[in-house]
Amino acid sequence: DCTDDRRVSVYRSVITNTSKEMSCFSNFPFPEDFPSYLPHSLLLEYFEMYAQQFDLLRHIRFKTTVLSVRKHLDFATSGQWEVVTETDDVHESHVFDAVMVCTGHYQEPYLPLDSFPGIDTRFKGRYLHSQEYKDAEAFRGKWVLVVGIGNTGGDLSVELSRVAAKVFLSARSNTWVISRVSDHGFPFDMVNTTRFNHFLEWLLPSALTRRIKFRKFNSWFNHANYGLASTKSSKFKVIVNEELPFCLLSGTVVLKPSVKEFTENSAIFEDGTTEENIDVVLFATGYVFTFPFLEESVRSLFEDNRSLYKCIFPPLEKPTLAIIGLVQLTGSVMVGSEMQARWVTGIFAGWNKLPPPSRMMAEVLKKKPPVKRNPAERENLKMSFISYTDEIAACAGVKPSVLRLLLTDPQLALAIFFGPCTPYQYRLVGRGAWSGARGAILTQWQRTLKPLRTRVVDNDSKSSSSWCWMCLLALPVTLTAGFLLSKYPRPGWGLAQGL
C-alpha cells in the first residue's frame, strides 16, 4: 500500500490472473491450502515464506534507493560498476562486479494527455491514472469514465460499477475476454499452457490457430455482439475478467469507443456520441519503462527488450549488466524472471557462457522491431511463455527432454507434455535440480483441488483414468512432436501469436 509516487503499487482488490501452480518459484510450491488465484496479501505472504525458507533476508537491504549505476573507470577490463545508494538520507558508493536490474516494465505511469484534447484545459472534473487508484469508495455516486481496456481497466470498471452511479469503459482495440475458470472448473492457464498445445500452434498455420482461438473465446459469449472484438481482426489482445461480460450485459458498465475530446463536463467519442455529467476520468493507459539511474551511455543502447540479447543483456563490451523482467509473457512473468535470473547468475559465476559479442549483436539486430509505436503498447515485449522460458532454460542447461524422459520415466514425460507447463519442469535436470520436482509435477492437480475441498460431495467422474488412457494413446504423437521440436525449430517461434 505504498504511497511513494516513485513506486508502483496495487489496488486493494487485485487478484492474480495466473494460477499458483503456474506462478510459483520452481523449487517452492505454494502451500496446498492456498487458493489457485491469489489476493496480493497471500502473494506477499508466499514471498515472505520463500525468503525465510532460503534465508534471503540477511542479504537484502531494505528502504534503500539506487541513485545511479555507472561504469567503473576500468570497466573495459574489469566490467565493474559504481553504484550510489541512499538510505535514510545517507549516500553510499559501492563497486560491484555485476548488476541485475529487476524493476520490470511497470515503472512510470503513461498518461497521454496530448491524445485527449480538452482534458487538462476545459474538463472541470477530476482525472487520474490507475496507479493512484486504491479502492472504489472515493467514486461512490460518481459518473466515471475508464479509459483503456487492459486487465486493469477491466478490473476497475467492474469494481467501480458496484458503487458509482454510472461507469463507461472506453476501448480502442479489439479485446477478447477470457475467464480464469476453464474446462471443468480448472484454472485457465493450467488447461491451456501445455507443451502439446504449444506444439499444435507450431504445427498449424497461424491463421488457423487464430481462428480456433477466436472460436473458443466466442464459445463463452459472442464478442462482436458486446462490441469487444471481431473475428476479422488480425491485431487483438486478451484480458482476464470473469465479471466484465455480466457488467456489460446488465448495463452497469457501458462500452464506448475511443475518446475524441473532452468538454467541461462531457466526453465526445469517435463515433460522434457524447456522454454528459462525467465526474471522473480514470486512465488505465499502462506504464512505460525507464531506467533513470543508468548512465546515458548505457540507456542509449536499448530502447526496448528487443535491443537486448535474449531480452536481457545490453550490447556492452563486458556482459556484466542484466535487465530482468523486461518481457510480457503469455504466462507468469515471475517464472520467466526466475529463469532469466538463474541463467544470468550462472553467467556471472562462470557456469554458463555467452557467445562472442559479434554473434550476440547479430541476433539482436535480427529481432529488433522495425517501427517504434505508442510507448504504452507492449507488443514489443510480448513473448510466448513456453518458447521463451524454454529458450533461456536451454541456455542455462536446465530444459527437460521429453524424449529422454519417455525412455526413462514415461509417466513423468506424459505429464510434462500433455499437462500444464509448470515451473517444476525446469528443476528436473541441470544445475540447481530439485529432488522434489518430479513429485511436485505429479501432484499439481491435487494441490489445485485441495483448497476447494471444504465441502466434499460424491464424485463418480472417471476423468483421471480417461486422461491416462488419452496420454497412452497419444504416445506416438508425443514421440513425433519431440523429434520435430528438436530437429526443426521454427524461425521466429519465440514471438507470441495471441495467447
Protein backbone atom coordinates (compact mmCIF):
# COMPACT_ATOMS: atom_id res chain seq x y z
CA ASP A 1 0.00 0.00 0.00
CA CYS A 2 2.91 2.29 -0.80
CA THR A 3 2.21 5.99 -1.18
CA ASP A 4 5.62 6.81 -2.64
CA ASP A 5 4.99 8.33 -6.08
CA ARG A 6 8.19 6.76 -7.38
CA ARG A 7 6.97 3.22 -6.80
CA VAL A 8 4.13 1.27 -8.39
CA SER A 9 1.51 -0.09 -6.01
CA VAL A 10 -1.61 -2.20 -6.43
CA TYR A 11 -5.28 -1.64 -5.70
CA ARG A 12 -6.63 -3.48 -2.66
CA SER A 13 -8.90 -5.90 -4.55
CA VAL A 14 -6.31 -7.15 -7.07
CA ILE A 15 -6.13 -10.92 -7.62
CA THR A 16 -3.54 -12.71 -9.73
CA ASN A 17 -4.56 -13.72 -13.25
CA THR A 18 -2.10 -16.62 -13.38
CA SER A 19 -2.68 -19.58 -11.09
CA LYS A 20 -0.48 -20.59 -8.16
CA GLU A 21 0.85 -23.75 -9.82
CA MET A 22 1.88 -21.77 -12.92
CA SER A 23 3.35 -18.84 -10.98
CA CYS A 24 5.43 -20.28 -8.15
CA PHE A 25 9.18 -20.40 -7.77
CA SER A 26 10.35 -23.60 -9.45
CA ASN A 27 11.59 -25.25 -6.25
CA PHE A 28 8.97 -23.94 -3.83
CA PRO A 29 5.27 -24.77 -4.47
CA PHE A 30 2.60 -22.61 -2.89
CA PRO A 31 1.01 -24.14 0.23
CA GLU A 32 -1.64 -26.59 -0.89
CA ASP A 33 -4.37 -24.80 1.07
CA PHE A 34 -3.74 -21.50 -0.78
CA PRO A 35 -6.40 -20.80 -3.44
CA SER A 36 -5.43 -21.15 -7.10
CA TYR A 37 -5.76 -17.42 -7.74
CA LEU A 38 -4.26 -15.26 -5.05
CA PRO A 39 -5.13 -11.91 -3.46
CA HIS A 40 -1.99 -9.78 -3.21
CA SER A 41 -1.83 -10.33 0.57
CA LEU A 42 -1.34 -14.08 0.10
CA LEU A 43 1.21 -13.50 -2.65
CA LEU A 44 3.18 -11.28 -0.26
CA GLU A 45 2.92 -14.00 2.40
CA TYR A 46 4.32 -16.51 -0.10
CA PHE A 47 7.29 -14.25 -0.90
CA GLU A 48 8.00 -13.91 2.81
CA MET A 49 7.83 -17.70 3.24
CA TYR A 50 10.27 -18.15 0.34
CA ALA A 51 12.71 -15.61 1.77
CA GLN A 52 12.58 -17.32 5.14
CA GLN A 53 12.95 -20.82 3.68
CA PHE A 54 16.14 -19.89 1.80
CA ASP A 55 17.49 -17.43 4.40
CA LEU A 56 17.45 -14.49 1.98
CA LEU A 57 16.60 -11.58 4.28
CA ARG A 58 20.15 -11.23 5.60
CA HIS A 59 21.29 -10.49 2.04
CA ILE A 60 18.72 -7.74 1.38
CA ARG A 61 18.99 -4.07 2.29
CA PHE A 62 15.51 -2.59 2.56
CA LYS A 63 14.46 1.07 2.28
CA THR A 64 17.43 1.77 0.03
CA THR A 65 17.19 3.78 -3.18
CA VAL A 66 19.61 3.27 -6.06
CA LEU A 67 20.54 6.75 -7.29
CA SER A 68 22.98 5.84 -10.06
CA VAL A 69 24.65 2.90 -11.78
CA ARG A 70 27.72 3.88 -13.79
CA LYS A 71 30.61 2.07 -15.39
CA HIS A 72 33.68 1.92 -13.21
CA LEU A 73 36.74 3.74 -14.53
CA ASP A 74 38.36 0.44 -15.54
CA PHE A 75 35.11 -1.10 -16.86
CA ALA A 76 36.74 -2.13 -20.17
CA THR A 77 38.97 -4.56 -18.30
CA SER A 78 37.11 -5.27 -15.04
CA GLY A 79 33.45 -4.99 -16.12
CA GLN A 80 32.73 -3.43 -12.71
CA TRP A 81 30.02 -0.91 -11.83
CA GLU A 82 29.95 2.01 -9.43
CA VAL A 83 26.60 2.17 -7.65
CA VAL A 84 25.44 5.06 -5.47
CA THR A 85 22.63 4.34 -2.99
CA GLU A 86 20.65 6.33 -0.44
CA THR A 87 19.43 5.02 2.92
CA ASP A 88 17.89 7.37 5.48
CA ASP A 89 19.30 10.39 3.58
CA VAL A 90 22.82 8.91 3.69
CA HIS A 91 24.58 8.37 0.34
CA GLU A 92 26.95 5.47 -0.13
CA SER A 93 29.14 4.44 -3.06
CA HIS A 94 29.78 0.77 -3.86
CA VAL A 95 31.67 -1.15 -6.52
CA PHE A 96 30.03 -4.32 -7.84
CA ASP A 97 31.35 -6.96 -10.21
CA ALA A 98 27.91 -7.29 -11.83
CA VAL A 99 24.47 -5.67 -11.68
CA MET A 100 20.97 -7.09 -12.29
CA VAL A 101 18.22 -4.51 -12.87
CA CYS A 102 14.96 -6.12 -11.77
CA THR A 103 12.49 -3.23 -11.98
CA GLY A 104 10.34 -4.86 -14.67
CA HIS A 105 8.24 -2.86 -17.10
CA TYR A 106 5.53 -1.39 -14.84
CA GLN A 107 7.55 1.60 -13.73
CA GLU A 108 6.29 5.01 -14.78
CA PRO A 109 2.59 5.74 -15.42
CA TYR A 110 1.81 6.53 -19.04
CA LEU A 111 -0.66 9.43 -19.17
CA PRO A 112 -1.02 10.58 -22.80
CA LEU A 113 -2.95 13.80 -22.18
CA ASP A 114 -1.99 15.16 -25.61
CA SER A 115 -4.16 12.44 -27.18
CA PHE A 116 -7.23 13.72 -25.33
CA PRO A 117 -7.88 17.36 -26.28
CA GLY A 118 -9.57 19.36 -23.54
CA ILE A 119 -8.76 17.03 -20.65
CA ASP A 120 -6.40 19.48 -18.92
CA THR A 121 -7.80 22.76 -20.30
CA ARG A 122 -11.61 22.51 -20.44
CA PHE A 123 -12.61 19.48 -18.37
CA LYS A 124 -13.81 20.59 -14.90
CA GLY A 125 -13.89 17.14 -13.35
CA ARG A 126 -11.06 15.08 -11.89
CA TYR A 127 -8.72 12.85 -13.82
CA LEU A 128 -6.11 10.40 -12.55
CA HIS A 129 -4.00 7.42 -13.59
CA SER A 130 -4.91 3.94 -12.36
CA GLN A 131 -1.68 3.93 -10.32
CA GLU A 132 -3.39 6.31 -7.88
CA TYR A 133 -6.45 4.05 -7.50
CA LYS A 134 -6.72 2.10 -4.25
CA ASP A 135 -10.41 1.33 -3.81
CA ALA A 136 -13.82 2.40 -5.10
CA GLU A 137 -15.08 4.34 -2.09
CA ALA A 138 -13.96 7.76 -3.38
CA PHE A 139 -16.03 7.18 -6.54
CA ARG A 140 -19.34 6.42 -4.82
CA GLY A 141 -22.24 8.04 -6.66
CA LYS A 142 -19.97 9.45 -9.40
CA TRP A 143 -20.19 9.19 -13.18
CA VAL A 144 -16.87 7.61 -14.13
CA LEU A 145 -15.16 7.14 -17.48
CA VAL A 146 -12.42 4.50 -17.55
CA VAL A 147 -10.04 4.90 -20.50
CA GLY A 148 -8.25 1.71 -21.53
CA ILE A 149 -9.41 -1.89 -21.62
CA GLY A 150 -6.39 -3.82 -20.43
CA ASN A 151 -6.58 -6.09 -17.40
CA THR A 152 -6.51 -3.09 -15.06
CA GLY A 153 -9.18 -1.16 -16.96
CA GLY A 154 -11.46 -4.20 -16.94
CA ASP A 155 -10.92 -4.85 -13.23
CA LEU A 156 -11.52 -1.25 -12.18
CA SER A 157 -14.64 -0.89 -14.35
CA VAL A 158 -16.18 -3.93 -12.66
CA GLU A 159 -15.26 -2.76 -9.18
CA LEU A 160 -16.48 0.79 -9.77
CA SER A 161 -19.79 -0.46 -11.17
CA ARG A 162 -20.76 -1.56 -7.64
CA VAL A 163 -20.62 1.96 -6.16
CA ALA A 164 -20.55 4.52 -8.99
CA ALA A 165 -23.73 5.98 -10.44
CA LYS A 166 -22.54 5.13 -13.96
CA VAL A 167 -19.40 3.61 -15.47
CA PHE A 168 -18.27 3.99 -19.08
CA LEU A 169 -15.35 1.98 -20.44
CA SER A 170 -13.57 3.42 -23.48
CA ALA A 171 -11.87 0.78 -25.65
CA ARG A 172 -9.64 1.42 -28.64
CA SER A 173 -8.55 -2.09 -29.62
CA ASN A 174 -10.16 -5.45 -30.34
CA THR A 175 -10.18 -7.22 -26.99
CA TRP A 176 -11.04 -10.82 -26.17
CA VAL A 177 -12.18 -11.50 -22.62
CA ILE A 178 -11.42 -14.86 -21.03
CA SER A 179 -12.21 -16.32 -17.62
CA ARG A 180 -9.78 -17.67 -15.07
CA VAL A 181 -12.17 -20.60 -14.77
CA SER A 182 -11.68 -23.02 -17.66
CA ASP A 183 -12.76 -26.54 -18.62
CA HIS A 184 -14.25 -28.50 -15.70
CA GLY A 185 -13.54 -25.54 -13.42
CA PHE A 186 -9.75 -25.80 -13.59
CA PRO A 187 -7.55 -22.69 -13.92
CA PHE A 188 -7.37 -21.43 -17.49
CA ASP A 189 -3.58 -21.36 -17.69
CA MET A 190 -3.21 -24.92 -16.36
CA VAL A 191 -5.56 -26.24 -19.03
CA ASN A 192 -4.21 -24.22 -21.95
CA THR A 193 -0.48 -23.65 -21.32
CA THR A 194 0.75 -27.11 -22.25
CA ARG A 195 3.57 -28.35 -24.46
CA PHE A 196 1.03 -30.29 -26.52
CA ASN A 197 -0.98 -27.13 -27.31
CA HIS A 198 2.27 -25.30 -27.96
CA PHE A 199 3.32 -27.97 -30.44
CA LEU A 200 -0.03 -27.70 -32.24
CA GLU A 201 0.43 -23.93 -32.56
CA TRP A 202 3.84 -24.55 -34.10
CA LEU A 203 2.48 -27.22 -36.43
CA LEU A 204 -0.67 -25.47 -37.69
CA PRO A 205 -0.81 -22.29 -39.83
CA SER A 206 -1.12 -19.16 -37.71
CA ALA A 207 -4.38 -18.18 -39.42
CA LEU A 208 -5.92 -21.50 -38.42
CA THR A 209 -4.73 -21.33 -34.82
CA ARG A 210 -6.09 -17.79 -34.56
CA ARG A 211 -9.47 -18.97 -35.87
CA ILE A 212 -9.51 -21.83 -33.36
CA LYS A 213 -8.77 -19.38 -30.53
CA PHE A 214 -11.47 -16.96 -31.63
CA ARG A 215 -13.97 -19.80 -31.82
CA LYS A 216 -13.06 -20.91 -28.31
CA PHE A 217 -13.27 -17.35 -26.95
CA ASN A 218 -16.67 -16.86 -28.60
CA SER A 219 -17.97 -20.12 -27.14
CA TRP A 220 -18.39 -18.24 -23.85
CA PHE A 221 -20.15 -15.23 -25.40
CA ASN A 222 -20.15 -13.56 -28.81
CA HIS A 223 -17.64 -10.73 -28.50
CA ALA A 224 -18.93 -8.89 -31.58
CA ASN A 225 -22.40 -8.63 -30.00
CA TYR A 226 -20.79 -6.94 -27.00
CA GLY A 227 -18.71 -4.57 -29.15
CA LEU A 228 -15.47 -6.05 -27.86
CA ALA A 229 -13.81 -7.87 -30.76
CA SER A 230 -14.29 -9.15 -34.28
CA THR A 231 -13.01 -12.44 -35.68
CA LYS A 232 -11.86 -10.46 -38.73
CA SER A 233 -9.24 -8.58 -36.76
CA SER A 234 -5.62 -9.67 -37.09
CA LYS A 235 -4.46 -7.44 -34.22
CA PHE A 236 -6.01 -8.16 -30.86
CA LYS A 237 -5.31 -8.52 -27.17
CA VAL A 238 -6.67 -10.79 -24.46
CA ILE A 239 -7.66 -9.83 -20.93
CA VAL A 240 -8.74 -11.97 -17.99
CA ASN A 241 -12.04 -10.96 -16.40
CA GLU A 242 -14.97 -13.18 -15.43
CA GLU A 243 -17.28 -10.34 -14.36
CA LEU A 244 -16.94 -7.81 -17.19
CA PRO A 245 -19.31 -9.60 -19.62
CA PHE A 246 -22.05 -9.66 -16.98
CA CYS A 247 -21.50 -5.97 -16.18
CA LEU A 248 -21.90 -5.18 -19.89
CA LEU A 249 -24.94 -7.44 -20.08
CA SER A 250 -26.54 -5.78 -17.06
CA GLY A 251 -25.64 -2.24 -18.16
CA THR A 252 -23.64 -1.43 -15.04
CA VAL A 253 -20.69 -0.88 -17.39
CA VAL A 254 -21.24 0.72 -20.82
CA LEU A 255 -18.64 0.13 -23.53
CA LYS A 256 -17.65 3.14 -25.63
CA PRO A 257 -15.16 3.73 -28.48
CA SER A 258 -12.08 5.98 -28.25
CA VAL A 259 -12.47 9.45 -26.80
CA LYS A 260 -12.19 12.25 -29.36
CA GLU A 261 -12.17 15.19 -26.93
CA PHE A 262 -13.42 16.49 -23.60
CA THR A 263 -15.61 19.49 -22.83
CA GLU A 264 -16.28 20.99 -19.39
CA ASN A 265 -18.30 18.04 -18.13
CA SER A 266 -18.62 15.59 -21.01
CA ALA A 267 -16.69 13.22 -23.26
CA ILE A 268 -17.16 13.18 -27.03
CA PHE A 269 -16.32 9.83 -28.64
CA GLU A 270 -15.02 8.89 -32.09
CA ASP A 271 -18.45 7.65 -33.20
CA GLY A 272 -19.97 11.09 -32.54
CA THR A 273 -21.79 10.13 -29.33
CA THR A 274 -21.47 12.23 -26.18
CA GLU A 275 -21.74 11.30 -22.51
CA GLU A 276 -22.61 14.17 -20.19
CA ASN A 277 -22.02 14.75 -16.49
CA ILE A 278 -18.69 12.92 -16.28
CA ASP A 279 -17.25 13.47 -12.80
CA VAL A 280 -14.02 11.46 -13.01
CA VAL A 281 -11.80 10.13 -15.80
CA LEU A 282 -9.65 7.18 -14.79
CA PHE A 283 -6.81 6.49 -17.22
CA ALA A 284 -5.87 2.79 -17.29
CA THR A 285 -3.36 3.54 -20.04
CA GLY A 286 -0.47 1.46 -18.79
CA TYR A 287 3.13 2.21 -17.98
CA VAL A 288 6.41 2.95 -19.69
CA PHE A 289 9.75 1.64 -18.51
CA THR A 290 12.63 3.95 -17.79
CA PHE A 291 15.99 3.43 -16.13
CA PRO A 292 16.92 6.91 -14.88
CA PHE A 293 19.63 5.55 -12.59
CA LEU A 294 21.61 4.08 -15.51
CA GLU A 295 24.11 6.37 -17.16
CA GLU A 296 23.04 7.76 -20.52
CA SER A 297 25.71 5.88 -22.50
CA VAL A 298 24.15 2.61 -21.28
CA ARG A 299 20.49 3.67 -21.55
CA SER A 300 21.00 4.71 -25.16
CA LEU A 301 21.97 1.15 -26.10
CA PHE A 302 18.43 -0.18 -25.75
CA GLU A 303 15.01 1.36 -26.30
CA ASP A 304 13.08 -1.88 -25.70
CA ASN A 305 13.76 -5.51 -24.85
CA ARG A 306 14.42 -6.46 -28.49
CA SER A 307 17.58 -4.38 -28.32
CA LEU A 308 18.86 -6.77 -25.65
CA TYR A 309 20.44 -10.17 -26.23
CA LYS A 310 17.79 -12.73 -25.22
CA CYS A 311 15.83 -9.70 -23.90
CA ILE A 312 18.37 -9.48 -21.06
CA PHE A 313 21.88 -8.26 -21.98
CA PRO A 314 22.61 -4.81 -23.49
CA PRO A 315 25.45 -4.83 -26.05
CA LEU A 316 28.33 -3.88 -23.76
CA GLU A 317 32.00 -4.83 -24.06
CA LYS A 318 31.63 -6.72 -20.77
CA PRO A 319 28.32 -8.59 -20.19
CA THR A 320 28.05 -7.70 -16.51
CA LEU A 321 24.72 -5.84 -16.67
CA ALA A 322 21.47 -7.80 -16.99
CA ILE A 323 17.90 -6.45 -17.30
CA ILE A 324 15.48 -8.87 -15.63
CA GLY A 325 11.71 -8.96 -16.21
CA LEU A 326 11.54 -6.69 -19.26
CA VAL A 327 9.21 -9.15 -21.01
CA GLN A 328 5.47 -9.64 -21.11
CA LEU A 329 4.95 -13.37 -21.32
CA THR A 330 1.74 -15.20 -22.15
CA GLY A 331 2.19 -16.80 -18.73
CA SER A 332 3.60 -15.78 -15.37
CA VAL A 333 6.30 -13.11 -15.53
CA MET A 334 7.60 -14.39 -12.17
CA VAL A 335 8.50 -17.74 -13.72
CA GLY A 336 10.16 -16.11 -16.72
CA SER A 337 12.10 -13.70 -14.50
CA GLU A 338 13.30 -16.54 -12.28
CA MET A 339 14.59 -18.40 -15.33
CA GLN A 340 16.35 -15.26 -16.55
CA ALA A 341 17.95 -14.79 -13.12
CA ARG A 342 19.10 -18.43 -12.95
CA TRP A 343 20.83 -18.15 -16.32
CA VAL A 344 22.34 -14.73 -15.60
CA THR A 345 23.75 -15.72 -12.21
CA GLY A 346 25.24 -18.78 -13.90
CA ILE A 347 26.97 -16.50 -16.39
CA PHE A 348 28.24 -14.16 -13.68
CA ALA A 349 29.53 -17.17 -11.72
CA GLY A 350 31.22 -18.68 -14.78
CA TRP A 351 28.97 -21.76 -15.02
CA ASN A 352 27.30 -20.63 -18.25
CA LYS A 353 28.95 -18.97 -21.23
CA LEU A 354 27.76 -16.32 -23.66
CA PRO A 355 28.57 -16.42 -27.38
CA PRO A 356 31.03 -13.87 -28.84
CA PRO A 357 29.75 -10.25 -28.87
CA SER A 358 29.52 -10.24 -32.67
CA ARG A 359 27.12 -13.17 -32.67
CA MET A 360 25.00 -11.64 -29.89
CA MET A 361 24.79 -8.35 -31.78
CA ALA A 362 23.75 -10.13 -34.99
CA GLU A 363 20.89 -11.85 -33.17
CA VAL A 364 19.79 -8.58 -31.56
CA LEU A 365 19.67 -6.79 -34.93
CA LYS A 366 17.70 -9.65 -36.47
CA LYS A 367 14.97 -9.43 -33.80
CA LYS A 368 14.85 -5.66 -33.38
CA PRO A 369 11.37 -4.19 -34.11
CA PRO A 370 11.16 -2.07 -37.29
CA VAL A 371 8.99 0.78 -36.01
CA LYS A 372 8.65 2.43 -32.62
CA ARG A 373 4.97 2.70 -31.70
CA ASN A 374 2.96 4.07 -28.82
CA PRO A 375 5.23 3.56 -25.77
CA ALA A 376 2.40 2.09 -23.71
CA GLU A 377 1.63 -0.58 -26.32
CA ARG A 378 3.54 -3.59 -25.13
CA GLU A 379 3.64 -5.53 -28.43
CA ASN A 380 7.44 -5.43 -28.49
CA LEU A 381 7.54 -7.04 -25.05
CA LYS A 382 5.14 -9.90 -25.81
CA MET A 383 6.66 -13.35 -25.85
CA SER A 384 5.32 -16.90 -25.85
CA PHE A 385 5.71 -18.24 -22.31
CA ILE A 386 6.86 -21.74 -23.25
CA SER A 387 9.04 -20.67 -26.17
CA TYR A 388 10.90 -18.01 -24.25
CA THR A 389 11.27 -19.90 -20.97
CA ASP A 390 12.48 -23.00 -22.85
CA GLU A 391 14.96 -20.86 -24.78
CA ILE A 392 16.51 -19.43 -21.61
CA ALA A 393 16.34 -22.82 -19.85
CA ALA A 394 18.28 -24.38 -22.73
CA CYS A 395 20.94 -21.68 -22.37
CA ALA A 396 21.14 -22.47 -18.64
CA GLY A 397 21.24 -26.22 -19.25
CA VAL A 398 18.03 -26.94 -17.33
CA LYS A 399 15.49 -27.59 -20.10
CA PRO A 400 13.85 -31.03 -19.71
CA SER A 401 13.95 -33.53 -22.58
CA VAL A 402 10.58 -35.15 -23.19
CA LEU A 403 12.15 -37.74 -25.50
CA ARG A 404 14.70 -38.81 -22.90
CA LEU A 405 12.05 -38.98 -20.20
CA LEU A 406 9.85 -41.16 -22.40
CA LEU A 407 12.56 -43.78 -22.24
CA THR A 408 13.34 -43.42 -18.54
CA ASP A 409 10.12 -42.16 -16.91
CA PRO A 410 7.08 -42.36 -19.26
CA GLN A 411 4.59 -41.25 -16.61
CA LEU A 412 6.52 -38.03 -15.99
CA ALA A 413 7.09 -37.46 -19.72
CA LEU A 414 3.36 -37.65 -20.45
CA ALA A 415 2.56 -35.32 -17.53
CA ILE A 416 5.11 -32.81 -18.85
CA PHE A 417 3.94 -32.93 -22.46
CA PHE A 418 0.16 -33.08 -22.02
CA GLY A 419 -0.15 -31.41 -18.64
CA PRO A 420 0.44 -27.78 -17.65
CA CYS A 421 3.94 -26.39 -18.20
CA THR A 422 4.53 -25.71 -14.52
CA PRO A 423 7.86 -24.26 -13.28
CA TYR A 424 8.92 -27.52 -11.62
CA GLN A 425 9.80 -28.87 -15.07
CA TYR A 426 12.88 -26.65 -15.00
CA ARG A 427 14.20 -28.28 -11.82
CA LEU A 428 14.41 -31.84 -13.15
CA VAL A 429 17.90 -31.62 -14.66
CA GLY A 430 21.00 -29.45 -14.65
CA ARG A 431 22.47 -27.15 -12.05
CA GLY A 432 20.00 -26.43 -9.27
CA ALA A 433 17.98 -29.61 -9.88
CA TRP A 434 15.48 -30.21 -7.09
CA SER A 435 14.72 -33.71 -5.84
CA GLY A 436 11.09 -32.77 -5.23
CA ALA A 437 10.41 -31.60 -8.81
CA ARG A 438 9.01 -34.94 -10.07
CA GLY A 439 6.65 -35.25 -7.11
CA ALA A 440 5.52 -31.64 -7.48
CA ILE A 441 4.62 -32.23 -11.15
CA LEU A 442 2.68 -35.44 -10.46
CA THR A 443 0.70 -33.85 -7.60
CA GLN A 444 -0.02 -30.41 -9.12
CA TRP A 445 -3.69 -31.17 -9.82
CA GLN A 446 -4.22 -32.34 -6.23
CA ARG A 447 -2.84 -29.05 -4.90
CA THR A 448 -5.17 -27.21 -7.26
CA LEU A 449 -8.23 -29.04 -5.92
CA LYS A 450 -7.22 -29.09 -2.24
CA PRO A 451 -8.49 -25.58 -1.29
CA LEU A 452 -11.85 -26.36 -2.97
CA ARG A 453 -12.49 -29.48 -0.86
CA THR A 454 -14.09 -27.61 2.00
CA ARG A 455 -17.35 -29.49 1.40
CA VAL A 456 -16.95 -32.94 -0.06
CA VAL A 457 -19.58 -34.48 -2.33
CA ASP A 458 -19.67 -37.80 -4.16
CA ASN A 459 -17.85 -37.74 -7.47
CA ASP A 460 -18.24 -40.56 -9.98
CA SER A 461 -16.00 -38.88 -12.54
CA LYS A 462 -13.52 -41.13 -14.30
CA SER A 463 -11.60 -38.19 -15.70
CA SER A 464 -8.24 -39.21 -14.23
CA SER A 465 -8.29 -42.66 -15.75
CA SER A 466 -9.55 -41.25 -19.06
CA TRP A 467 -6.68 -38.79 -19.06
CA CYS A 468 -4.17 -41.61 -18.59
CA TRP A 469 -5.66 -43.58 -21.48
CA MET A 470 -5.62 -40.49 -23.68
CA CYS A 471 -1.95 -39.94 -22.90
CA LEU A 472 -1.05 -43.53 -23.67
CA LEU A 473 -2.91 -43.46 -26.97
CA ALA A 474 -1.16 -40.21 -27.84
CA LEU A 475 2.30 -41.63 -27.18
CA PRO A 476 3.18 -41.81 -30.91
CA VAL A 477 2.21 -38.14 -31.28
CA THR A 478 4.47 -37.29 -28.36
CA LEU A 479 7.42 -39.07 -29.92
CA THR A 480 6.86 -37.36 -33.25
CA ALA A 481 6.42 -33.98 -31.58
CA GLY A 482 9.60 -34.29 -29.56
CA PHE A 483 11.57 -35.29 -32.64
CA LEU A 484 10.23 -32.40 -34.72
CA LEU A 485 10.76 -29.85 -31.96
CA SER A 486 14.37 -30.89 -31.51
CA LYS A 487 15.18 -31.21 -35.21
CA TYR A 488 13.14 -28.48 -36.90
CA PRO A 489 12.62 -25.41 -34.69
CA ARG A 490 10.52 -22.83 -36.49
CA PRO A 491 12.29 -19.50 -37.10
CA GLY A 492 10.85 -16.68 -35.00
CA TRP A 493 8.78 -19.11 -32.94
CA GLY A 494 9.64 -17.17 -29.80
CA LEU A 495 7.14 -14.44 -30.67
CA ALA A 496 3.70 -14.81 -29.17
CA GLN A 497 0.78 -15.42 -31.51
CA GLY A 498 -2.16 -14.12 -29.48
CA LEU A 499 -2.13 -16.08 -26.23
